[in-house]
Amino acid sequence: MAKKNTKSSGSPRIVNRKARHDYEILETLEVGIALLGSEVKSIRQSQASLAEGFARVEPATMELFLYNVDIAPYEHARLAEPPDRQRKRKLLAHKREIEKLLGHTTAKGTTIVPLAMYFVRGNVKLEIGVGRGKKTVDKRQTIQKRDTDREIRRRLARKVI
């Protein structure tokens, strides 16, 4: 029997392109996120931004939280007061994974950044990565490499045709 695709093709994938530009991603992890129903509906409409977001481990309780991720309020929600757009949201991960992330982030210059938000079997998942900040020189090298790769692909496409 064929394996079912776990990711629905019609659901949005919200990507933080800025994170891969600003950080060198050392390790990635898929975690769940605790949301309100209206926030999930808003994410289905691609009304979220991961650009300024980051995650942090609370060492006292060993819990993982997401900060500064902007999820717009759902227009048709019947809430008396919509939730704060950038409220602190709990991330759902195993304790050993959280301990591992805490170990990575104790090093100077590393942080946990959200990379992508998507749906898996109806649940919102967040891909986070342990990132080390890039210097300006590294960013320029990345841009230069991307441009040369694009030019090589362009020239090869012309020769094939």
N, C-alpha and C. Protein backbone atom coordinates (compact mmCIF):
# COMPACT_ATOMS: atom_id res chain seq x y z
N MET A 1 0.84 -1.17 0.00
CA MET A 1 0.00 0.00 0.00
C MET A 1 0.89 1.24 0.00
N ALA A 2 0.51 2.22 -0.76
CA ALA A 2 1.30 3.45 -0.88
C ALA A 2 1.20 4.28 0.40
N LYS A 3 2.29 4.93 0.71
CA LYS A 3 2.35 5.76 1.90
C LYS A 3 1.65 7.09 1.63
N LYS A 4 0.77 7.51 2.54
CA LYS A 4 0.07 8.77 2.36
C LYS A 4 0.99 9.95 2.63
N ASN A 5 0.79 10.99 1.87
CA ASN A 5 1.54 12.22 2.08
C ASN A 5 1.00 12.90 3.32
N THR A 6 1.85 13.17 4.30
CA THR A 6 1.38 13.76 5.56
C THR A 6 1.13 15.25 5.45
N LYS A 7 1.74 15.89 4.46
CA LYS A 7 1.54 17.32 4.31
C LYS A 7 0.48 17.57 3.24
N SER A 8 -0.54 18.29 3.60
CA SER A 8 -1.60 18.61 2.67
C SER A 8 -1.12 19.63 1.65
N SER A 9 -1.45 19.41 0.39
CA SER A 9 -0.97 20.31 -0.65
C SER A 9 -1.69 21.66 -0.62
N GLY A 10 -2.92 21.72 -0.10
CA GLY A 10 -3.68 22.95 -0.08
C GLY A 10 -3.37 23.85 1.10
N SER A 11 -2.68 23.36 2.10
CA SER A 11 -2.42 24.18 3.28
C SER A 11 -1.17 25.03 3.08
N PRO A 12 -1.14 26.20 3.69
CA PRO A 12 -0.01 27.11 3.48
C PRO A 12 1.24 26.67 4.24
N ARG A 13 2.37 27.12 3.74
CA ARG A 13 3.65 26.93 4.41
C ARG A 13 4.25 28.32 4.56
N ILE A 14 4.35 28.79 5.79
CA ILE A 14 4.87 30.11 6.07
C ILE A 14 6.35 29.95 6.39
N VAL A 15 7.21 30.61 5.62
CA VAL A 15 8.65 30.42 5.72
C VAL A 15 9.31 31.71 6.17
N ASN A 16 10.31 31.58 7.02
CA ASN A 16 11.11 32.71 7.48
C ASN A 16 12.39 32.74 6.66
N ARG A 17 12.35 33.44 5.53
CA ARG A 17 13.51 33.49 4.64
C ARG A 17 14.65 34.29 5.25
N LYS A 18 14.30 35.24 6.09
CA LYS A 18 15.30 36.09 6.73
C LYS A 18 16.22 35.28 7.66
N ALA A 19 15.68 34.23 8.27
CA ALA A 19 16.46 33.43 9.22
C ALA A 19 17.65 32.75 8.55
N ARG A 20 17.45 32.18 7.38
CA ARG A 20 18.54 31.48 6.69
C ARG A 20 19.57 32.47 6.15
N HIS A 21 19.16 33.72 5.96
CA HIS A 21 20.09 34.75 5.51
C HIS A 21 20.93 35.28 6.68
N ASP A 22 20.29 35.48 7.83
CA ASP A 22 20.96 36.08 8.98
C ASP A 22 21.69 35.09 9.87
N TYR A 23 21.31 33.81 9.79
CA TYR A 23 21.89 32.81 10.68
C TYR A 23 22.42 31.61 9.90
N GLU A 24 23.46 31.01 10.44
CA GLU A 24 23.93 29.72 9.96
C GLU A 24 23.20 28.69 10.81
N ILE A 25 22.35 27.89 10.19
CA ILE A 25 21.51 26.93 10.92
C ILE A 25 22.33 25.67 11.21
N LEU A 26 22.49 25.37 12.50
CA LEU A 26 23.29 24.23 12.92
C LEU A 26 22.47 22.95 13.04
N GLU A 27 21.23 23.09 13.51
CA GLU A 27 20.38 21.92 13.73
C GLU A 27 18.93 22.35 13.63
N THR A 28 18.06 21.49 13.10
CA THR A 28 16.64 21.80 13.00
C THR A 28 15.82 20.78 13.78
N LEU A 29 14.62 21.21 14.14
CA LEU A 29 13.72 20.36 14.92
C LEU A 29 12.28 20.77 14.62
N GLU A 30 11.39 19.79 14.48
CA GLU A 30 9.97 20.05 14.27
C GLU A 30 9.26 19.93 15.61
N VAL A 31 8.53 20.98 15.98
CA VAL A 31 7.80 20.99 17.25
C VAL A 31 6.36 21.39 17.00
N GLY A 32 5.51 21.06 17.94
CA GLY A 32 4.13 21.51 17.91
C GLY A 32 4.04 22.88 18.57
N ILE A 33 2.90 23.53 18.42
CA ILE A 33 2.71 24.84 19.00
C ILE A 33 1.29 24.93 19.57
N ALA A 34 1.17 25.45 20.79
CA ALA A 34 -0.12 25.59 21.44
C ALA A 34 -0.76 26.90 20.98
N LEU A 35 -1.89 26.80 20.27
CA LEU A 35 -2.57 27.96 19.71
C LEU A 35 -4.04 27.95 20.08
N LEU A 36 -4.66 29.10 19.93
CA LEU A 36 -6.11 29.21 20.04
C LEU A 36 -6.72 28.85 18.70
N GLY A 37 -8.00 28.47 18.69
CA GLY A 37 -8.66 28.08 17.45
C GLY A 37 -8.67 29.17 16.41
N SER A 38 -8.87 30.41 16.85
CA SER A 38 -8.90 31.51 15.90
C SER A 38 -7.51 31.75 15.29
N GLU A 39 -6.46 31.47 16.04
CA GLU A 39 -5.10 31.62 15.51
C GLU A 39 -4.81 30.58 14.44
N VAL A 40 -5.32 29.37 14.62
CA VAL A 40 -5.14 28.32 13.63
C VAL A 40 -5.84 28.72 12.32
N LYS A 41 -7.04 29.26 12.43
CA LYS A 41 -7.76 29.70 11.23
C LYS A 41 -7.02 30.83 10.53
N SER A 42 -6.42 31.69 11.30
CA SER A 42 -5.65 32.79 10.73
C SER A 42 -4.41 32.27 10.00
N ILE A 43 -3.76 31.26 10.56
CA ILE A 43 -2.59 30.66 9.92
C ILE A 43 -3.00 29.96 8.63
N ARG A 44 -4.17 29.33 8.61
CA ARG A 44 -4.66 28.71 7.37
C ARG A 44 -4.81 29.73 6.26
N GLN A 45 -5.06 30.98 6.62
CA GLN A 45 -5.19 32.05 5.63
C GLN A 45 -3.85 32.75 5.39
N SER A 46 -2.77 32.18 5.88
CA SER A 46 -1.40 32.73 5.74
C SER A 46 -1.25 34.11 6.36
N GLN A 47 -1.91 34.34 7.46
CA GLN A 47 -1.86 35.63 8.14
C GLN A 47 -0.91 35.60 9.32
N ALA A 48 0.32 35.13 9.09
CA ALA A 48 1.32 35.04 10.15
C ALA A 48 2.68 35.44 9.60
N SER A 49 3.53 35.95 10.48
CA SER A 49 4.87 36.34 10.10
C SER A 49 5.86 35.82 11.14
N LEU A 50 6.89 35.14 10.66
CA LEU A 50 7.92 34.58 11.53
C LEU A 50 9.18 35.45 11.56
N ALA A 51 9.18 36.55 10.83
CA ALA A 51 10.40 37.32 10.58
C ALA A 51 11.15 37.76 11.84
N GLU A 52 10.47 38.26 12.84
CA GLU A 52 11.13 38.77 14.03
C GLU A 52 11.10 37.77 15.19
N GLY A 53 10.63 36.56 14.95
CA GLY A 53 10.44 35.60 16.02
C GLY A 53 11.71 34.93 16.50
N PHE A 54 11.65 34.45 17.74
CA PHE A 54 12.72 33.65 18.33
C PHE A 54 12.12 32.78 19.41
N ALA A 55 12.83 31.74 19.79
CA ALA A 55 12.37 30.84 20.84
C ALA A 55 13.39 30.84 21.97
N ARG A 56 12.91 30.54 23.15
CA ARG A 56 13.79 30.52 24.32
C ARG A 56 13.33 29.40 25.26
N VAL A 57 14.29 28.75 25.88
CA VAL A 57 14.01 27.71 26.87
C VAL A 57 14.00 28.37 28.24
N GLU A 58 12.93 28.12 29.01
CA GLU A 58 12.86 28.58 30.40
C GLU A 58 13.52 27.50 31.25
N PRO A 59 14.74 27.75 31.77
CA PRO A 59 15.46 26.69 32.48
C PRO A 59 14.79 26.23 33.77
N ALA A 60 14.05 27.12 34.42
CA ALA A 60 13.41 26.74 35.69
C ALA A 60 12.35 25.66 35.48
N THR A 61 11.55 25.81 34.44
CA THR A 61 10.45 24.86 34.20
C THR A 61 10.75 23.90 33.06
N MET A 62 11.89 24.11 32.35
CA MET A 62 12.27 23.31 31.18
C MET A 62 11.15 23.30 30.13
N GLU A 63 10.62 24.49 29.84
CA GLU A 63 9.61 24.64 28.81
C GLU A 63 10.15 25.55 27.72
N LEU A 64 9.67 25.34 26.51
CA LEU A 64 10.12 26.08 25.34
C LEU A 64 9.02 27.05 24.91
N PHE A 65 9.35 28.33 24.73
CA PHE A 65 8.37 29.35 24.36
C PHE A 65 8.81 30.09 23.11
N LEU A 66 7.82 30.53 22.34
CA LEU A 66 8.04 31.28 21.11
C LEU A 66 7.64 32.73 21.35
N TYR A 67 8.50 33.66 20.95
CA TYR A 67 8.27 35.08 21.16
C TYR A 67 8.25 35.82 19.82
N ASN A 68 7.53 36.94 19.77
CA ASN A 68 7.52 37.90 18.66
C ASN A 68 7.06 37.34 17.33
N VAL A 69 6.31 36.26 17.30
CA VAL A 69 5.73 35.78 16.05
C VAL A 69 4.36 36.42 15.93
N ASP A 70 4.14 37.08 14.80
CA ASP A 70 2.93 37.86 14.59
C ASP A 70 1.87 37.00 13.89
N ILE A 71 0.78 36.71 14.60
CA ILE A 71 -0.36 36.00 14.02
C ILE A 71 -1.54 36.94 14.09
N ALA A 72 -2.04 37.35 12.93
CA ALA A 72 -3.13 38.32 12.86
C ALA A 72 -4.41 37.71 13.44
N PRO A 73 -5.25 38.53 14.06
CA PRO A 73 -6.52 38.00 14.57
C PRO A 73 -7.44 37.58 13.43
N TYR A 74 -8.15 36.49 13.62
CA TYR A 74 -9.09 35.98 12.63
C TYR A 74 -10.29 36.91 12.57
N GLU A 75 -10.64 37.34 11.38
CA GLU A 75 -11.70 38.35 11.21
C GLU A 75 -13.06 37.89 11.72
N HIS A 76 -13.39 36.63 11.49
CA HIS A 76 -14.73 36.14 11.80
C HIS A 76 -14.85 35.46 13.16
N ALA A 77 -13.85 35.61 14.00
CA ALA A 77 -13.88 34.97 15.33
C ALA A 77 -14.89 35.68 16.22
N ARG A 78 -15.58 34.92 17.03
CA ARG A 78 -16.58 35.48 17.93
C ARG A 78 -16.01 35.65 19.34
N LEU A 79 -14.87 36.26 19.41
CA LEU A 79 -14.24 36.49 20.70
C LEU A 79 -14.55 37.92 21.14
N ALA A 80 -14.76 38.10 22.44
CA ALA A 80 -15.02 39.44 22.95
C ALA A 80 -13.80 40.33 22.73
N GLU A 81 -12.63 39.75 22.97
CA GLU A 81 -11.38 40.48 22.75
C GLU A 81 -10.39 39.55 22.07
N PRO A 82 -9.88 39.92 20.89
CA PRO A 82 -8.93 39.04 20.21
C PRO A 82 -7.62 38.93 20.99
N PRO A 83 -6.93 37.79 20.88
CA PRO A 83 -5.66 37.62 21.60
C PRO A 83 -4.59 38.56 21.06
N ASP A 84 -3.59 38.81 21.89
CA ASP A 84 -2.46 39.65 21.49
C ASP A 84 -1.75 39.00 20.30
N ARG A 85 -1.43 39.79 19.28
CA ARG A 85 -0.82 39.28 18.06
C ARG A 85 0.54 38.64 18.31
N GLN A 86 1.31 39.19 19.24
CA GLN A 86 2.67 38.70 19.47
C GLN A 86 2.84 38.12 20.87
N ARG A 87 1.82 37.47 21.35
CA ARG A 87 1.91 36.90 22.69
C ARG A 87 2.91 35.74 22.74
N LYS A 88 3.32 35.41 23.94
CA LYS A 88 4.24 34.28 24.16
C LYS A 88 3.44 32.99 23.97
N ARG A 89 3.97 32.09 23.11
CA ARG A 89 3.28 30.83 22.82
C ARG A 89 4.16 29.66 23.20
N LYS A 90 3.53 28.65 23.80
CA LYS A 90 4.27 27.48 24.24
C LYS A 90 4.52 26.53 23.07
N LEU A 91 5.74 26.05 22.97
CA LEU A 91 6.11 25.06 21.96
C LEU A 91 6.12 23.68 22.60
N LEU A 92 5.65 22.70 21.87
CA LEU A 92 5.50 21.35 22.40
C LEU A 92 6.61 20.45 21.87
N ALA A 93 7.48 20.03 22.78
CA ALA A 93 8.59 19.16 22.42
C ALA A 93 8.88 18.23 23.59
N HIS A 94 9.59 17.14 23.30
CA HIS A 94 9.98 16.22 24.37
C HIS A 94 11.03 16.86 25.26
N LYS A 95 11.07 16.43 26.50
CA LYS A 95 11.99 17.01 27.48
C LYS A 95 13.44 16.87 27.05
N ARG A 96 13.80 15.72 26.49
CA ARG A 96 15.19 15.52 26.06
C ARG A 96 15.55 16.45 24.91
N GLU A 97 14.58 16.75 24.04
CA GLU A 97 14.83 17.71 22.96
C GLU A 97 15.03 19.12 23.51
N ILE A 98 14.24 19.47 24.51
CA ILE A 98 14.37 20.80 25.13
C ILE A 98 15.72 20.92 25.84
N GLU A 99 16.14 19.85 26.52
CA GLU A 99 17.45 19.86 27.18
C GLU A 99 18.58 20.02 26.16
N LYS A 100 18.43 19.37 25.03
CA LYS A 100 19.44 19.47 23.97
C LYS A 100 19.50 20.90 23.43
N LEU A 101 18.33 21.52 23.23
CA LEU A 101 18.28 22.91 22.76
C LEU A 101 18.89 23.86 23.78
N LEU A 102 18.63 23.61 25.06
CA LEU A 102 19.21 24.44 26.11
C LEU A 102 20.73 24.34 26.09
N GLY A 103 21.26 23.15 25.85
CA GLY A 103 22.70 22.97 25.75
C GLY A 103 23.30 23.73 24.58
N HIS A 104 22.58 23.74 23.44
CA HIS A 104 23.06 24.47 22.27
C HIS A 104 23.04 25.97 22.48
N THR A 105 22.02 26.48 23.16
CA THR A 105 21.88 27.93 23.28
C THR A 105 22.72 28.53 24.40
N THR A 106 23.37 27.71 25.21
CA THR A 106 24.24 28.29 26.23
C THR A 106 25.52 28.83 25.61
N ALA A 107 25.87 28.36 24.42
CA ALA A 107 27.05 28.88 23.71
C ALA A 107 26.78 30.31 23.25
N LYS A 108 27.80 31.14 23.27
CA LYS A 108 27.64 32.54 22.90
C LYS A 108 27.35 32.66 21.40
N GLY A 109 26.40 33.53 21.07
CA GLY A 109 26.09 33.81 19.68
C GLY A 109 25.10 32.87 19.04
N THR A 110 24.50 31.94 19.79
CA THR A 110 23.50 31.04 19.22
C THR A 110 22.12 31.38 19.76
N THR A 111 21.13 31.13 18.94
CA THR A 111 19.75 31.37 19.32
C THR A 111 18.86 30.36 18.61
N ILE A 112 17.62 30.28 19.04
CA ILE A 112 16.65 29.39 18.41
C ILE A 112 15.72 30.26 17.57
N VAL A 113 15.67 30.01 16.27
CA VAL A 113 14.85 30.81 15.37
C VAL A 113 13.81 29.94 14.69
N PRO A 114 12.60 30.48 14.47
CA PRO A 114 11.59 29.73 13.71
C PRO A 114 11.92 29.80 12.23
N LEU A 115 11.87 28.66 11.56
CA LEU A 115 12.21 28.59 10.14
C LEU A 115 10.97 28.48 9.26
N ALA A 116 9.99 27.68 9.68
CA ALA A 116 8.78 27.50 8.87
C ALA A 116 7.62 27.06 9.76
N MET A 117 6.42 27.40 9.32
CA MET A 117 5.19 26.99 10.00
C MET A 117 4.29 26.34 8.95
N TYR A 118 3.78 25.15 9.25
CA TYR A 118 2.99 24.41 8.28
C TYR A 118 2.06 23.46 9.01
N PHE A 119 1.18 22.81 8.24
CA PHE A 119 0.23 21.86 8.79
C PHE A 119 0.65 20.43 8.48
N VAL A 120 0.52 19.58 9.48
CA VAL A 120 0.74 18.14 9.32
C VAL A 120 -0.48 17.45 9.91
N ARG A 121 -1.25 16.78 9.05
CA ARG A 121 -2.48 16.09 9.46
C ARG A 121 -3.38 16.99 10.30
N GLY A 122 -3.54 18.24 9.89
CA GLY A 122 -4.44 19.17 10.57
C GLY A 122 -3.85 19.90 11.75
N ASN A 123 -2.64 19.56 12.17
CA ASN A 123 -2.00 20.22 13.30
C ASN A 123 -0.93 21.19 12.80
N VAL A 124 -0.82 22.33 13.48
CA VAL A 124 0.20 23.30 13.11
C VAL A 124 1.53 22.85 13.69
N LYS A 125 2.53 22.78 12.84
CA LYS A 125 3.88 22.41 13.26
C LYS A 125 4.81 23.59 12.95
N LEU A 126 5.85 23.70 13.74
CA LEU A 126 6.82 24.76 13.58
C LEU A 126 8.20 24.12 13.46
N GLU A 127 8.92 24.49 12.43
CA GLU A 127 10.29 24.02 12.28
C GLU A 127 11.19 25.10 12.87
N ILE A 128 11.95 24.72 13.90
CA ILE A 128 12.86 25.66 14.54
C ILE A 128 14.29 25.20 14.28
N GLY A 129 15.20 26.13 14.36
CA GLY A 129 16.59 25.80 14.13
C GLY A 129 17.48 26.53 15.10
N VAL A 130 18.57 25.88 15.49
CA VAL A 130 19.58 26.52 16.31
C VAL A 130 20.48 27.26 15.34
N GLY A 131 20.53 28.58 15.49
CA GLY A 131 21.29 29.38 14.54
C GLY A 131 22.41 30.16 15.20
N ARG A 132 23.50 30.29 14.47
CA ARG A 132 24.61 31.13 14.90
C ARG A 132 24.62 32.32 13.95
N GLY A 133 24.68 33.52 14.49
CA GLY A 133 24.62 34.73 13.68
C GLY A 133 25.75 34.81 12.67
N LYS A 134 25.39 35.21 11.44
CA LYS A 134 26.40 35.38 10.40
C LYS A 134 26.95 36.80 10.46
N LYS A 135 28.19 36.93 10.08
CA LYS A 135 28.79 38.25 9.95
C LYS A 135 28.46 38.79 8.57
N THR A 136 28.66 40.07 8.36
CA THR A 136 28.35 40.70 7.08
C THR A 136 29.12 40.06 5.93
N VAL A 137 30.36 39.68 6.17
CA VAL A 137 31.18 39.04 5.15
C VAL A 137 30.55 37.71 4.73
N ASP A 138 30.08 36.93 5.70
CA ASP A 138 29.45 35.65 5.40
C ASP A 138 28.19 35.84 4.57
N LYS A 139 27.41 36.88 4.89
CA LYS A 139 26.19 37.16 4.14
C LYS A 139 26.52 37.50 2.69
N ARG A 140 27.57 38.29 2.49
CA ARG A 140 27.97 38.65 1.12
C ARG A 140 28.41 37.42 0.35
N GLN A 141 29.14 36.52 1.01
CA GLN A 141 29.58 35.29 0.33
C GLN A 141 28.39 34.43 -0.05
N THR A 142 27.38 34.36 0.82
CA THR A 142 26.18 33.58 0.53
C THR A 142 25.46 34.16 -0.68
N ILE A 143 25.33 35.47 -0.73
CA ILE A 143 24.66 36.12 -1.86
C ILE A 143 25.44 35.88 -3.14
N GLN A 144 26.76 36.00 -3.09
CA GLN A 144 27.60 35.80 -4.26
C GLN A 144 27.50 34.36 -4.77
N LYS A 145 27.51 33.39 -3.85
CA LYS A 145 27.40 31.99 -4.25
C LYS A 145 26.04 31.72 -4.89
N ARG A 146 24.98 32.27 -4.33
CA ARG A 146 23.64 32.09 -4.88
C ARG A 146 23.55 32.67 -6.29
N ASP A 147 24.14 33.85 -6.49
CA ASP A 147 24.12 34.49 -7.81
C ASP A 147 24.90 33.68 -8.84
N THR A 148 26.07 33.16 -8.45
CA THR A 148 26.86 32.36 -9.40
C THR A 148 26.15 31.05 -9.74
N ASP A 149 25.53 30.41 -8.75
CA ASP A 149 24.77 29.18 -9.01
C ASP A 149 23.61 29.45 -9.97
N ARG A 150 22.93 30.57 -9.77
CA ARG A 150 21.82 30.95 -10.64
C ARG A 150 22.31 31.17 -12.07
N GLU A 151 23.45 31.82 -12.23
CA GLU A 151 24.02 32.09 -13.55
C GLU A 151 24.43 30.78 -14.23
N ILE A 152 25.02 29.86 -13.48
CA ILE A 152 25.41 28.55 -14.04
C ILE A 152 24.18 27.79 -14.52
N ARG A 153 23.13 27.76 -13.70
CA ARG A 153 21.89 27.08 -14.10
C ARG A 153 21.30 27.71 -15.36
N ARG A 154 21.34 29.02 -15.44
CA ARG A 154 20.81 29.75 -16.59
C ARG A 154 21.58 29.38 -17.87
N ARG A 155 22.91 29.33 -17.77
CA ARG A 155 23.73 29.00 -18.95
C ARG A 155 23.55 27.55 -19.37
N LEU A 156 23.43 26.64 -18.38
CA LEU A 156 23.21 25.24 -18.72
C LEU A 156 21.86 25.04 -19.38
N ALA A 157 20.85 25.78 -18.94
CA ALA A 157 19.51 25.66 -19.54
C ALA A 157 19.53 26.10 -20.99
N ARG A 158 20.31 27.11 -21.32
CA ARG A 158 20.40 27.57 -22.71
C ARG A 158 21.11 26.54 -23.59
N LYS A 159 22.12 25.87 -23.07
CA LYS A 159 22.88 24.89 -23.86
C LYS A 159 22.07 23.63 -24.12
N VAL A 160 21.22 23.25 -23.19
CA VAL A 160 20.41 22.03 -23.34
C VAL A 160 19.39 22.22 -24.44
N ILE A 161 18.81 23.38 -24.51
CA ILE A 161 17.73 23.65 -25.49
C ILE A 161 18.24 23.82 -26.86
